[in-house]
Amino acid sequence: LISALKHTRWPLIVFQDIVLGRHSSARALQLTHSGTILKLEEKDLEMAKLNEENEALALRKELRSALENGDLFDAFMEHLFTEYCGECLLSIVEFTQFKEKIVAQNKDN
């Protein structure tokens, strides 16, 4: 008997407005479609996150291709030195060289 009361309590709470006569078409529509709306909102958030990741990946690829070009690399380095942050690019170059060296050594083993 107690479990039956627990099972009937949920619909009475959720559909309280309808049971008490405060029913409206908008509220009924909201109740019936709330799950669908939540799923659509979750999907929209997932798509936005994927778009942000794709944009970040595209920017990285663009920066990488620009820095692989010797002339663009030199121009970027000159710009960084005028902004007093050329050491940042030099450290990235050194880190990349170190990473490539470790990968090459591990391929041999």
Protein backbone atom coordinates (compact mmCIF):
# COMPACT_ATOMS: atom_id res chain seq x y z
CA LEU A 1 0.00 0.00 0.00
CA ILE A 2 2.84 2.44 0.85
CA SER A 3 4.63 1.78 -2.44
CA ALA A 4 1.41 2.37 -4.33
CA LEU A 5 1.01 5.71 -2.57
CA LYS A 6 4.59 6.66 -3.45
CA HIS A 7 3.96 5.85 -7.10
CA THR A 8 0.81 7.96 -7.23
CA ARG A 9 2.41 10.86 -5.41
CA TRP A 10 4.79 11.75 -8.27
CA PRO A 11 2.11 12.33 -10.92
CA LEU A 12 0.05 14.30 -8.43
CA ILE A 13 3.01 16.58 -7.73
CA VAL A 14 4.07 16.95 -11.37
CA PHE A 15 0.54 17.47 -12.70
CA GLN A 16 -0.69 19.43 -9.67
CA ASP A 17 -1.92 22.36 -11.75
CA ILE A 18 -4.03 20.11 -13.93
CA VAL A 19 -5.45 18.19 -10.96
CA LEU A 20 -6.34 21.40 -9.12
CA GLY A 21 -7.98 22.90 -12.20
CA ARG A 22 -5.30 25.48 -12.97
CA HIS A 23 -4.79 23.95 -16.36
CA SER A 24 -3.72 25.90 -19.41
CA SER A 25 -2.77 24.77 -22.88
CA ALA A 26 0.63 26.42 -22.57
CA ARG A 27 1.35 24.58 -19.32
CA ALA A 28 0.24 21.24 -20.82
CA LEU A 29 2.46 21.85 -23.82
CA GLN A 30 5.36 22.71 -21.53
CA LEU A 31 4.88 19.51 -19.53
CA THR A 32 4.66 17.28 -22.56
CA HIS A 33 7.60 18.81 -24.39
CA SER A 34 9.95 19.64 -21.51
CA GLY A 35 12.02 16.50 -22.10
CA THR A 36 12.29 17.22 -25.80
CA ILE A 37 13.27 20.82 -25.17
CA LEU A 38 15.98 19.74 -22.73
CA LYS A 39 17.38 17.29 -25.26
CA LEU A 40 17.42 19.96 -27.96
CA GLU A 41 19.18 22.40 -25.64
CA GLU A 42 21.78 19.76 -24.74
CA LYS A 43 22.34 19.06 -28.43
CA ASP A 44 22.75 22.79 -29.12
CA LEU A 45 25.35 23.02 -26.35
CA GLU A 46 27.22 20.02 -27.77
CA MET A 47 27.22 21.59 -31.24
CA ALA A 48 28.48 24.92 -29.87
CA LYS A 49 31.28 23.12 -28.05
CA LEU A 50 32.23 21.23 -31.22
CA ASN A 51 32.23 24.48 -33.20
CA GLU A 52 34.53 26.12 -30.64
CA GLU A 53 36.88 23.13 -30.76
CA ASN A 54 36.88 23.18 -34.57
CA GLU A 55 37.62 26.92 -34.61
CA ALA A 56 40.49 26.47 -32.14
CA LEU A 57 41.87 23.61 -34.23
CA ALA A 58 41.62 25.70 -37.40
CA LEU A 59 43.46 28.58 -35.71
CA ARG A 60 46.22 26.24 -34.56
CA LYS A 61 46.61 24.83 -38.06
CA GLU A 62 46.71 28.32 -39.52
CA LEU A 63 49.34 29.46 -37.01
CA ARG A 64 51.40 26.33 -37.60
CA SER A 65 51.36 26.80 -41.38
CA ALA A 66 52.26 30.48 -40.99
CA LEU A 67 55.19 29.69 -38.69
CA GLU A 68 56.43 26.98 -41.06
CA ASN A 69 56.89 29.70 -43.69
CA GLY A 70 60.36 31.16 -43.10
CA ASP A 71 59.48 34.72 -44.14
CA LEU A 72 56.35 34.83 -41.98
CA PHE A 73 58.27 33.33 -39.06
CA ASP A 74 60.94 36.04 -39.33
CA ALA A 75 58.30 38.79 -39.57
CA PHE A 76 56.46 37.39 -36.57
CA MET A 77 59.71 37.19 -34.60
CA GLU A 78 60.52 40.83 -35.42
CA HIS A 79 57.05 41.85 -34.28
CA LEU A 80 57.48 39.96 -31.01
CA PHE A 81 60.81 41.62 -30.34
CA THR A 82 59.21 45.04 -30.81
CA GLU A 83 56.65 43.98 -28.19
CA TYR A 84 59.41 42.73 -25.87
CA CYS A 85 58.22 39.13 -25.95
CA GLY A 86 60.51 37.45 -28.48
CA GLU A 87 61.66 35.07 -25.75
CA CYS A 88 58.22 33.47 -25.82
CA LEU A 89 58.59 32.37 -29.43
CA LEU A 90 62.18 31.29 -28.84
CA SER A 91 61.07 29.12 -25.92
CA ILE A 92 58.34 27.54 -28.06
CA VAL A 93 60.93 26.76 -30.73
CA GLU A 94 63.22 25.19 -28.14
CA PHE A 95 60.39 23.16 -26.61
CA THR A 96 59.37 21.93 -30.05
CA GLN A 97 62.94 20.96 -30.93
CA PHE A 98 63.29 19.14 -27.60
CA LYS A 99 60.00 17.30 -28.15
CA GLU A 100 61.05 16.26 -31.67
CA LYS A 101 64.40 15.02 -30.34
CA ILE A 102 62.69 12.87 -27.69
CA VAL A 103 60.24 11.44 -30.24
CA ALA A 104 63.11 10.63 -32.64
CA GLN A 105 65.09 8.90 -29.87
CA ASN A 106 62.08 6.84 -28.80
CA LYS A 107 61.40 5.72 -32.39
CA ASP A 108 64.86 4.15 -32.49
CA ASN A 109 64.21 2.16 -29.28
